[in-house]
Amino acid sequence: MPEELTAAQAAGRLHAVDTLGIPLGPGQPPTLLQALGQRDDWIDLRVYGALLAVLTELFSRTGVHYVSGFFGPLERALRDGGADVEFAPADFRRFGPLLQRQAPRVMTTVAAPPDADGWCSLSLHAGGTIDELRRAGADPDRLLIVEVAEKFPRTYGLADHRHALHVDEIDILVVSDAEPLALPGGDAEPSEVDRAIAEHAVAYMPSGVTLQTGIGSIPNQIATLLAEGEGGNYGLHSEMFTDGCMKLHRAGKITNTHKGQYDGVSVTTFAFGSPELYEWLDDNHEVAFLPVEIVNAPEVIARNHRMVTINGALAIDIHGQVVADTIDGGQFSGIGGAEDFVAGAGRELSDRSLICLPSTYEKDGRLQSRIVPWLGAGAVITTPRHQVDVIVTEYGTAELEGLTVRQRGEALAAIAHPQFREGLLKAAERAANGALR
């Protein structure tokens, strides 16, 4: 049986020189991380994680070095404030193998309280940490600390992938009254641009397709249109389960009856959204949480029937190269599962991969095009041109797969803001003739 400690007592079990592994976002233990932030005696604490979802002083402390696989608002704020935070480029599916290589002495997660049989559901996060949590619990030289809280929903996996830890695997149990971070903006009114993009996107989603979607105003508006539309009988296989996914379930649009695999359940690896979403997920067997190496595997994605994936971008050039996680070369977010879902949907002609973005943005009071002749110096490519299928803006869609460089440029110019189309067409002509610029 585990040793039951307060968060402060558990935090005291870490050495001043130590290594700590934490899950992505909603799997992070809030009270424990806050207790760790109260310590100021760190000499060299190295923390491995992604997408911080807990406000804590830990990562601002001298002697604490944080390596993140995905930047969110908290990572960006810490970096800009001078904290020792660095980005490790990796897609979500590689988090597990990387964590095994790092083998932190201490592993931790948040979970639902033990059930009558001693199983603690891993609640909102399966991700890439499950195996390493179990390895830490089984190793006498390592430490597994699990924070359990009633306000975290009890969720489930499937027979071969139990989404839970047993109390016998846990070294230290911390009982808290913490609640999961609620994402703001779920009910925000979409812009006219968002609506237009969503309307173009849903044309690729007839009844019976299997969907992958993410967070943000455009995916939320796509979910709204599908929920209110005449189509249905959809399947869901998505890295992230959102309020939009819940909306589709509640509207009776998700049946998961003929995906070709995991029929009968929506498949995800983590959930992030509103308190309403967390309440809906509690004890809900319609959703299965599986490890990310399964959910995001391109070959698994491709086995779904008529897969349609939806991702975002920040910029794209006339060749079809996509920048989605950096701005002017600086880290903004991360790769996550975008590449896997683009690649997975590219294995079958019946599958489609949509990359959605507004055609413009404003900088210093001037309108700028997100579709550009060429990317600036230092640009970091997220999705290579040969992987890209459909680009969607408020002006329409550009199906790039199989097109020449000139044809790609022409198709992208047609969905750019009218102010920039002529320049893009001229650039496409130059690129087709072998000119760099």
Protein backbone atom coordinates (compact mmCIF):
# COMPACT_ATOMS: atom_id res chain seq x y z
CA MET A 1 0.00 0.00 0.00
CA PRO A 2 1.21 3.53 -0.68
CA GLU A 3 2.33 5.95 1.97
CA GLU A 4 -0.27 8.72 2.34
CA LEU A 5 1.35 12.15 2.74
CA THR A 6 0.40 15.80 2.47
CA ALA A 7 1.56 17.61 -0.65
CA ALA A 8 4.26 19.40 1.36
CA GLN A 9 5.53 16.13 2.83
CA ALA A 10 5.59 14.52 -0.62
CA ALA A 11 7.44 17.52 -2.05
CA GLY A 12 10.03 17.03 0.66
CA ARG A 13 10.86 13.58 -0.75
CA LEU A 14 12.54 15.13 -3.77
CA HIS A 15 16.25 15.85 -3.46
CA ALA A 16 17.74 19.27 -4.10
CA VAL A 17 19.48 17.63 -7.06
CA ASP A 18 16.88 15.46 -8.77
CA THR A 19 14.87 14.65 -11.88
CA LEU A 20 11.08 14.80 -12.20
CA GLY A 21 8.71 13.67 -14.95
CA ILE A 22 5.21 15.16 -15.28
CA PRO A 23 2.44 14.46 -17.81
CA LEU A 24 1.12 16.91 -20.36
CA GLY A 25 -1.42 19.53 -19.23
CA PRO A 26 -4.44 18.00 -17.52
CA GLY A 27 -2.42 15.08 -16.14
CA GLN A 28 -0.29 17.36 -13.95
CA PRO A 29 -0.85 17.18 -10.15
CA PRO A 30 -1.81 20.73 -9.08
CA THR A 31 -1.31 20.59 -5.32
CA LEU A 32 1.99 18.73 -5.50
CA LEU A 33 3.46 21.12 -8.08
CA GLN A 34 2.37 24.08 -5.98
CA ALA A 35 4.02 22.50 -2.92
CA LEU A 36 7.21 21.95 -4.89
CA GLY A 37 7.08 25.65 -5.77
CA GLN A 38 7.23 26.54 -2.08
CA ARG A 39 10.69 25.06 -1.81
CA ASP A 40 13.62 27.39 -2.48
CA ASP A 41 16.51 25.00 -1.85
CA TRP A 42 16.82 23.58 -5.36
CA ILE A 43 20.35 23.09 -6.66
CA ASP A 44 19.61 21.23 -9.90
CA LEU A 45 16.05 19.99 -10.36
CA ARG A 46 15.36 18.93 -13.95
CA VAL A 47 11.70 18.64 -14.90
CA TYR A 48 10.43 17.00 -18.09
CA GLY A 49 6.89 17.75 -19.23
CA ALA A 50 4.68 19.65 -21.69
CA LEU A 51 1.87 22.23 -21.79
CA LEU A 52 1.84 23.51 -18.23
CA ALA A 53 -1.64 23.66 -16.70
CA VAL A 54 -0.71 24.50 -13.08
CA LEU A 55 0.20 27.91 -11.65
CA THR A 56 3.22 27.27 -9.44
CA GLU A 57 6.38 29.12 -8.45
CA LEU A 58 8.44 25.99 -9.10
CA PHE A 59 9.61 26.90 -12.59
CA SER A 60 10.67 30.40 -11.58
CA ARG A 61 12.95 29.10 -8.83
CA THR A 62 16.72 29.26 -9.11
CA GLY A 63 18.12 25.79 -9.72
CA VAL A 64 15.05 24.50 -11.59
CA HIS A 65 15.43 23.65 -15.29
CA TYR A 66 12.27 22.76 -17.22
CA VAL A 67 12.30 20.95 -20.58
CA SER A 68 8.94 21.17 -22.35
CA GLY A 69 7.73 19.26 -25.39
CA PHE A 70 4.86 21.70 -25.99
CA PHE A 71 4.67 25.39 -25.13
CA GLY A 72 1.42 26.87 -23.83
CA PRO A 73 0.73 30.29 -22.33
CA LEU A 74 2.49 29.44 -19.06
CA GLU A 75 5.68 28.26 -20.79
CA ARG A 76 5.75 31.38 -22.93
CA ALA A 77 5.25 33.60 -19.88
CA LEU A 78 7.99 31.80 -17.96
CA ARG A 79 10.41 32.05 -20.89
CA ASP A 80 9.67 35.73 -21.42
CA GLY A 81 10.14 36.30 -17.69
CA GLY A 82 13.63 34.80 -17.73
CA ALA A 83 12.90 31.33 -16.29
CA ASP A 84 15.10 28.39 -17.25
CA VAL A 85 12.65 26.88 -19.75
CA GLU A 86 13.63 25.18 -23.00
CA PHE A 87 11.71 23.52 -25.81
CA ALA A 88 12.55 19.99 -26.93
CA PRO A 89 11.19 19.42 -30.47
CA ALA A 90 9.20 16.20 -30.53
CA ASP A 91 5.76 15.15 -31.62
CA PHE A 92 3.43 13.85 -28.90
CA ARG A 93 3.90 10.21 -29.92
CA ARG A 94 7.62 10.43 -29.11
CA PHE A 95 7.10 11.74 -25.57
CA GLY A 96 6.97 8.20 -24.16
CA PRO A 97 10.28 6.96 -25.62
CA LEU A 98 11.99 10.23 -24.70
CA LEU A 99 10.76 10.00 -21.13
CA GLN A 100 12.02 6.42 -20.93
CA ARG A 101 15.44 7.64 -22.06
CA GLN A 102 15.42 10.42 -19.45
CA ALA A 103 14.14 7.99 -16.76
CA PRO A 104 13.39 10.66 -14.11
CA ARG A 105 13.93 9.41 -10.57
CA VAL A 106 10.50 10.79 -9.60
CA MET A 107 7.36 10.38 -11.69
CA THR A 108 4.05 11.97 -10.80
CA THR A 109 0.50 12.37 -12.08
CA VAL A 110 -2.97 13.34 -10.95
CA ALA A 111 -5.74 10.73 -10.83
CA ALA A 112 -9.22 10.05 -9.55
CA PRO A 113 -9.41 8.47 -6.05
CA PRO A 114 -9.13 4.67 -5.83
CA ASP A 115 -12.29 2.69 -6.55
CA ALA A 116 -13.43 -0.27 -4.43
CA ASP A 117 -10.79 -2.47 -6.07
CA GLY A 118 -7.95 0.01 -5.58
CA TRP A 119 -7.79 1.37 -9.15
CA CYS A 120 -7.09 5.09 -9.64
CA SER A 121 -8.39 6.26 -13.01
CA LEU A 122 -5.87 8.48 -14.82
CA SER A 123 -8.77 10.83 -15.53
CA LEU A 124 -8.08 13.40 -18.26
CA HIS A 125 -4.72 12.19 -19.53
CA ALA A 126 -3.31 8.96 -20.94
CA GLY A 127 -0.65 10.48 -23.19
CA GLY A 128 2.92 9.24 -23.20
CA THR A 129 3.61 8.81 -19.48
CA ILE A 130 1.69 5.64 -18.53
CA ASP A 131 4.55 3.19 -19.08
CA GLU A 132 7.06 5.39 -17.27
CA LEU A 133 4.71 5.87 -14.33
CA ARG A 134 4.51 2.09 -13.97
CA ARG A 135 8.27 1.64 -14.39
CA ALA A 136 8.91 4.20 -11.64
CA GLY A 137 6.44 2.49 -9.33
CA ALA A 138 8.09 -0.89 -9.89
CA ASP A 139 11.66 0.37 -9.36
CA PRO A 140 12.79 0.55 -5.69
CA ASP A 141 15.30 3.26 -6.62
CA ARG A 142 12.62 5.50 -8.08
CA LEU A 143 9.52 7.20 -6.70
CA LEU A 144 5.94 7.31 -7.99
CA ILE A 145 3.82 10.07 -6.44
CA VAL A 146 0.12 10.20 -7.35
CA GLU A 147 -2.19 13.02 -6.34
CA VAL A 148 -5.84 11.95 -6.17
CA ALA A 149 -8.74 14.39 -6.20
CA GLU A 150 -12.50 13.86 -6.26
CA LYS A 151 -13.05 16.67 -8.74
CA PHE A 152 -11.10 14.86 -11.46
CA PRO A 153 -13.48 12.68 -13.52
CA ARG A 154 -13.22 8.89 -13.54
CA THR A 155 -12.60 7.85 -17.14
CA TYR A 156 -11.77 4.55 -18.83
CA GLY A 157 -9.56 2.86 -21.37
CA LEU A 158 -10.15 -0.43 -23.16
CA ALA A 159 -9.52 -4.05 -22.14
CA ASP A 160 -5.89 -4.20 -23.29
CA HIS A 161 -5.10 -0.67 -22.10
CA ARG A 162 -6.42 -0.04 -18.61
CA HIS A 163 -6.52 3.69 -18.02
CA ALA A 164 -5.64 3.44 -14.33
CA LEU A 165 -2.92 2.77 -11.77
CA HIS A 166 -3.47 0.40 -8.86
CA VAL A 167 -2.69 1.65 -5.38
CA ASP A 168 -0.19 -1.23 -5.02
CA GLU A 169 1.91 0.37 -7.79
CA ILE A 170 2.05 3.76 -6.05
CA ASP A 171 4.76 4.79 -3.56
CA ILE A 172 3.18 8.00 -2.23
CA LEU A 173 -0.48 9.05 -2.37
CA VAL A 174 -1.44 12.71 -1.95
CA VAL A 175 -5.14 13.41 -1.35
CA SER A 176 -6.28 16.90 -2.39
CA ASP A 177 -9.35 18.93 -3.27
CA ALA A 178 -7.78 20.23 -6.50
CA GLU A 179 -9.82 20.58 -9.66
CA PRO A 180 -8.70 20.47 -13.30
CA LEU A 181 -7.87 23.67 -15.11
CA ALA A 182 -10.79 24.91 -17.18
CA LEU A 183 -9.89 26.37 -20.55
CA PRO A 184 -11.32 29.86 -21.16
CA GLY A 185 -13.14 30.93 -24.29
CA GLY A 186 -15.19 27.82 -24.99
CA ASP A 187 -18.35 29.90 -25.38
CA ALA A 188 -16.71 32.79 -27.26
CA GLU A 189 -18.63 34.02 -30.27
CA PRO A 190 -16.83 32.96 -33.47
CA SER A 191 -15.76 35.65 -35.91
CA GLU A 192 -17.11 35.90 -39.44
CA VAL A 193 -13.76 34.55 -40.66
CA ASP A 194 -14.07 31.54 -38.33
CA ARG A 195 -17.58 30.85 -39.61
CA ALA A 196 -16.50 31.06 -43.24
CA ILE A 197 -13.56 28.72 -42.71
CA ALA A 198 -15.77 26.24 -40.86
CA GLU A 199 -18.38 26.30 -43.62
CA HIS A 200 -15.73 25.44 -46.22
CA ALA A 201 -14.29 22.71 -44.00
CA VAL A 202 -17.55 20.86 -43.26
CA ALA A 203 -18.02 20.24 -46.98
CA TYR A 204 -15.34 17.55 -46.52
CA MET A 205 -17.30 15.87 -43.72
CA PRO A 206 -20.26 13.92 -45.10
CA SER A 207 -22.13 11.44 -42.95
CA GLY A 208 -20.09 8.46 -41.82
CA VAL A 209 -16.61 9.97 -41.77
CA THR A 210 -14.25 9.58 -38.79
CA LEU A 211 -13.15 12.91 -37.33
CA GLN A 212 -10.11 14.32 -35.60
CA THR A 213 -10.26 17.85 -34.30
CA GLY A 214 -8.58 20.12 -31.79
CA ILE A 215 -9.07 23.21 -29.69
CA GLY A 216 -9.85 26.73 -30.82
CA SER A 217 -12.60 28.84 -32.35
CA ILE A 218 -12.44 27.24 -35.81
CA PRO A 219 -12.70 23.60 -34.61
CA ASN A 220 -15.45 24.69 -32.20
CA GLN A 221 -17.41 26.30 -35.04
CA ILE A 222 -16.92 23.19 -37.20
CA ALA A 223 -18.37 21.10 -34.35
CA THR A 224 -21.30 23.52 -34.05
CA LEU A 225 -22.11 23.29 -37.76
CA LEU A 226 -21.90 19.50 -37.71
CA ALA A 227 -24.03 19.29 -34.58
CA GLU A 228 -26.72 21.50 -36.15
CA GLY A 229 -26.45 19.99 -39.63
CA GLU A 230 -28.27 17.10 -41.28
CA GLY A 231 -25.28 14.74 -41.38
CA GLY A 232 -24.33 12.24 -38.72
CA ASN A 233 -23.20 8.73 -37.98
CA TYR A 234 -19.70 10.09 -37.40
CA GLY A 235 -16.81 8.36 -35.72
CA LEU A 236 -14.29 10.14 -33.49
CA HIS A 237 -10.57 9.36 -33.23
CA SER A 238 -8.84 12.45 -31.87
CA GLU A 239 -5.71 13.21 -29.86
CA MET A 240 -7.64 15.77 -27.81
CA PHE A 241 -11.24 15.53 -26.59
CA THR A 242 -12.84 18.96 -26.40
CA ASP A 243 -16.14 20.68 -25.71
CA GLY A 244 -16.79 20.47 -29.44
CA CYS A 245 -16.48 16.68 -29.28
CA MET A 246 -18.95 16.63 -26.38
CA LYS A 247 -21.32 18.84 -28.38
CA LEU A 248 -21.30 16.30 -31.24
CA HIS A 249 -21.99 13.45 -28.81
CA ARG A 250 -24.86 15.29 -27.17
CA ALA A 251 -26.37 16.07 -30.58
CA GLY A 252 -26.40 12.35 -31.37
CA LYS A 253 -24.02 12.84 -34.28
CA ILE A 254 -21.28 10.51 -32.99
CA THR A 255 -22.16 6.82 -33.28
CA ASN A 256 -18.72 5.21 -33.80
CA THR A 257 -20.50 2.32 -35.49
CA HIS A 258 -18.26 1.71 -38.46
CA LYS A 259 -14.85 3.25 -37.92
CA GLY A 260 -13.18 -0.06 -38.72
CA GLN A 261 -11.48 -0.20 -35.34
CA TYR A 262 -12.47 0.68 -31.78
CA ASP A 263 -16.09 0.65 -32.91
CA GLY A 264 -18.57 1.82 -30.31
CA VAL A 265 -16.33 4.37 -28.56
CA SER A 266 -14.69 7.69 -29.26
CA VAL A 267 -10.93 7.38 -28.92
CA THR A 268 -8.69 10.05 -27.41
CA THR A 269 -5.49 10.41 -25.39
CA PHE A 270 -6.35 13.52 -23.31
CA ALA A 271 -9.21 15.92 -22.66
CA PHE A 272 -9.09 19.65 -22.03
CA GLY A 273 -12.00 22.06 -21.81
CA SER A 274 -14.77 23.36 -19.58
CA PRO A 275 -16.01 22.13 -16.18
CA GLU A 276 -19.10 20.98 -18.07
CA LEU A 277 -16.93 18.73 -20.22
CA TYR A 278 -15.21 17.23 -17.17
CA GLU A 279 -18.57 16.51 -15.53
CA TRP A 280 -19.85 14.89 -18.74
CA LEU A 281 -16.77 12.66 -18.99
CA ASP A 282 -17.13 11.37 -15.43
CA ASP A 283 -18.01 7.66 -15.50
CA ASN A 284 -18.75 7.95 -19.24
CA HIS A 285 -17.96 4.77 -21.18
CA GLU A 286 -18.61 6.41 -24.56
CA VAL A 287 -15.03 7.73 -24.57
CA ALA A 288 -11.89 5.59 -24.32
CA PHE A 289 -8.57 7.10 -23.23
CA LEU A 290 -5.64 5.26 -24.85
CA PRO A 291 -1.87 5.85 -24.83
CA VAL A 292 -0.70 8.41 -27.37
CA GLU A 293 1.52 5.90 -29.17
CA ILE A 294 -1.71 4.17 -30.23
CA VAL A 295 -4.01 7.15 -30.80
CA ASN A 296 -1.46 9.10 -32.83
CA ALA A 297 0.17 6.28 -34.77
CA PRO A 298 -0.26 7.10 -38.49
CA GLU A 299 -0.95 3.47 -39.35
CA VAL A 300 -3.70 3.34 -36.71
CA ILE A 301 -5.18 6.63 -37.91
CA ALA A 302 -5.19 5.32 -41.49
CA ARG A 303 -7.19 2.23 -40.51
CA ASN A 304 -10.15 4.42 -39.58
CA HIS A 305 -12.93 4.55 -42.17
CA ARG A 306 -12.89 7.78 -44.24
CA MET A 307 -10.69 9.72 -41.84
CA VAL A 308 -10.90 13.53 -41.90
CA THR A 309 -8.35 15.43 -39.81
CA ILE A 310 -8.51 19.11 -38.89
CA ASN A 311 -5.44 21.10 -37.87
CA GLY A 312 -4.37 24.74 -37.79
CA ALA A 313 -1.43 26.77 -39.05
CA LEU A 314 0.20 30.16 -38.67
CA ALA A 315 1.67 30.52 -42.18
CA ILE A 316 2.10 28.66 -45.46
CA ASP A 317 4.24 29.36 -48.53
CA ILE A 318 3.39 28.75 -52.19
CA HIS A 319 5.13 25.38 -52.13
CA GLY A 320 2.76 24.21 -49.40
CA GLN A 321 5.24 24.30 -46.51
CA VAL A 322 3.36 24.85 -43.26
CA VAL A 323 4.53 26.72 -40.16
CA ALA A 324 2.26 25.88 -37.24
CA ASP A 325 4.20 26.08 -33.97
CA THR A 326 6.63 29.02 -34.22
CA ILE A 327 6.41 32.76 -34.88
CA ASP A 328 9.47 34.39 -36.47
CA GLY A 329 11.45 31.35 -35.38
CA GLY A 330 10.42 31.66 -31.72
CA GLN A 331 8.58 28.79 -30.09
CA PHE A 332 4.86 29.44 -29.72
CA SER A 333 3.26 26.02 -29.19
CA GLY A 334 4.47 22.60 -30.30
CA ILE A 335 4.15 19.85 -32.85
CA GLY A 336 1.76 17.70 -30.83
CA GLY A 337 -0.07 15.25 -33.06
CA ALA A 338 -0.47 17.48 -36.12
CA GLU A 339 2.13 15.68 -38.20
CA ASP A 340 0.82 12.22 -37.30
CA PHE A 341 -2.75 13.08 -38.27
CA VAL A 342 -1.66 14.75 -41.51
CA ALA A 343 0.47 11.70 -42.38
CA GLY A 344 -2.15 9.17 -41.25
CA ALA A 345 -4.85 10.74 -43.39
CA GLY A 346 -2.47 10.74 -46.36
CA ARG A 347 -2.35 6.96 -46.61
CA GLU A 348 -5.76 6.53 -48.25
CA LEU A 349 -7.38 8.49 -51.09
CA SER A 350 -10.70 8.39 -49.21
CA ASP A 351 -9.13 10.23 -46.24
CA ARG A 352 -8.64 13.99 -46.11
CA SER A 353 -6.35 16.23 -44.10
CA LEU A 354 -7.49 19.83 -43.65
CA ILE A 355 -5.21 22.64 -42.47
CA CYS A 356 -7.31 25.67 -41.55
CA LEU A 357 -6.11 29.25 -41.10
CA PRO A 358 -7.34 32.82 -41.58
CA SER A 359 -5.86 34.36 -44.71
CA THR A 360 -4.45 37.41 -42.88
CA TYR A 361 -3.37 38.93 -39.59
CA GLU A 362 -2.49 42.44 -38.48
CA LYS A 363 1.00 43.54 -37.45
CA ASP A 364 1.83 47.11 -36.46
CA GLY A 365 -1.53 48.21 -37.85
CA ARG A 366 -0.89 46.71 -41.30
CA LEU A 367 -2.62 43.75 -42.93
CA GLN A 368 -0.28 40.81 -43.50
CA SER A 369 -0.91 37.64 -45.51
CA ARG A 370 -0.52 34.24 -43.88
CA ILE A 371 -0.05 32.76 -47.36
CA VAL A 372 3.35 34.03 -48.47
CA PRO A 373 5.62 33.63 -51.51
CA TRP A 374 8.40 32.40 -49.26
CA LEU A 375 8.95 31.99 -45.55
CA GLY A 376 11.28 34.34 -43.73
CA ALA A 377 14.81 33.58 -42.59
CA GLY A 378 14.79 31.33 -39.56
CA ALA A 379 11.32 29.93 -40.25
CA VAL A 380 10.78 26.46 -38.79
CA ILE A 381 8.69 24.08 -40.90
CA THR A 382 6.09 22.02 -39.05
CA THR A 383 4.56 20.14 -41.99
CA PRO A 384 6.59 19.55 -45.18
CA ARG A 385 5.00 20.32 -48.52
CA HIS A 386 4.71 16.69 -49.62
CA GLN A 387 2.42 15.87 -46.68
CA VAL A 388 -0.12 18.63 -47.27
CA ASP A 389 -3.56 17.85 -48.68
CA VAL A 390 -6.16 20.65 -48.27
CA ILE A 391 -5.63 24.24 -47.11
CA VAL A 392 -8.74 26.12 -45.95
CA THR A 393 -9.17 29.87 -45.49
CA GLU A 394 -12.26 32.07 -45.36
CA TYR A 395 -11.98 32.42 -49.15
CA GLY A 396 -12.21 28.72 -49.95
CA THR A 397 -10.12 25.57 -50.21
CA ALA A 398 -6.93 24.64 -52.07
CA GLU A 399 -6.38 20.93 -52.71
CA LEU A 400 -2.61 20.70 -53.11
CA GLU A 401 -1.97 16.98 -53.28
CA GLY A 402 -0.58 16.04 -56.69
CA LEU A 403 -0.22 19.61 -57.95
CA THR A 404 2.92 21.13 -59.46
CA VAL A 405 4.66 24.10 -57.83
CA ARG A 406 2.93 26.52 -60.21
CA GLN A 407 -0.46 24.89 -59.66
CA ARG A 408 0.03 25.00 -55.89
CA GLY A 409 0.83 28.69 -56.01
CA GLU A 410 -2.22 29.39 -58.16
CA ALA A 411 -4.51 27.36 -55.88
CA LEU A 412 -3.20 29.11 -52.77
CA ALA A 413 -3.41 32.56 -54.38
CA ALA A 414 -7.09 31.89 -55.07
CA ILE A 415 -7.82 31.50 -51.33
CA ALA A 416 -5.56 34.33 -50.18
CA HIS A 417 -6.83 37.79 -49.37
CA PRO A 418 -7.45 39.60 -52.70
CA GLN A 419 -4.86 42.24 -51.81
CA PHE A 420 -2.06 39.66 -52.00
CA ARG A 421 -3.15 37.43 -54.87
CA GLU A 422 -1.24 39.10 -57.70
CA GLY A 423 2.06 38.92 -55.82
CA LEU A 424 1.51 35.26 -54.99
CA LEU A 425 0.78 34.41 -58.64
CA LYS A 426 3.98 36.13 -59.76
CA ALA A 427 5.95 34.28 -57.06
CA ALA A 428 4.44 30.96 -58.16
CA GLU A 429 5.56 31.62 -61.72
CA ARG A 430 9.09 32.44 -60.58
CA ALA A 431 9.25 29.35 -58.34
CA ALA A 432 8.00 27.12 -61.19
CA ASN A 433 10.85 28.41 -63.34
CA GLY A 434 13.43 27.62 -60.66
CA ALA A 435 13.91 31.12 -59.27
CA LEU A 436 14.43 31.30 -55.52
CA ARG A 437 12.72 34.69 -55.16
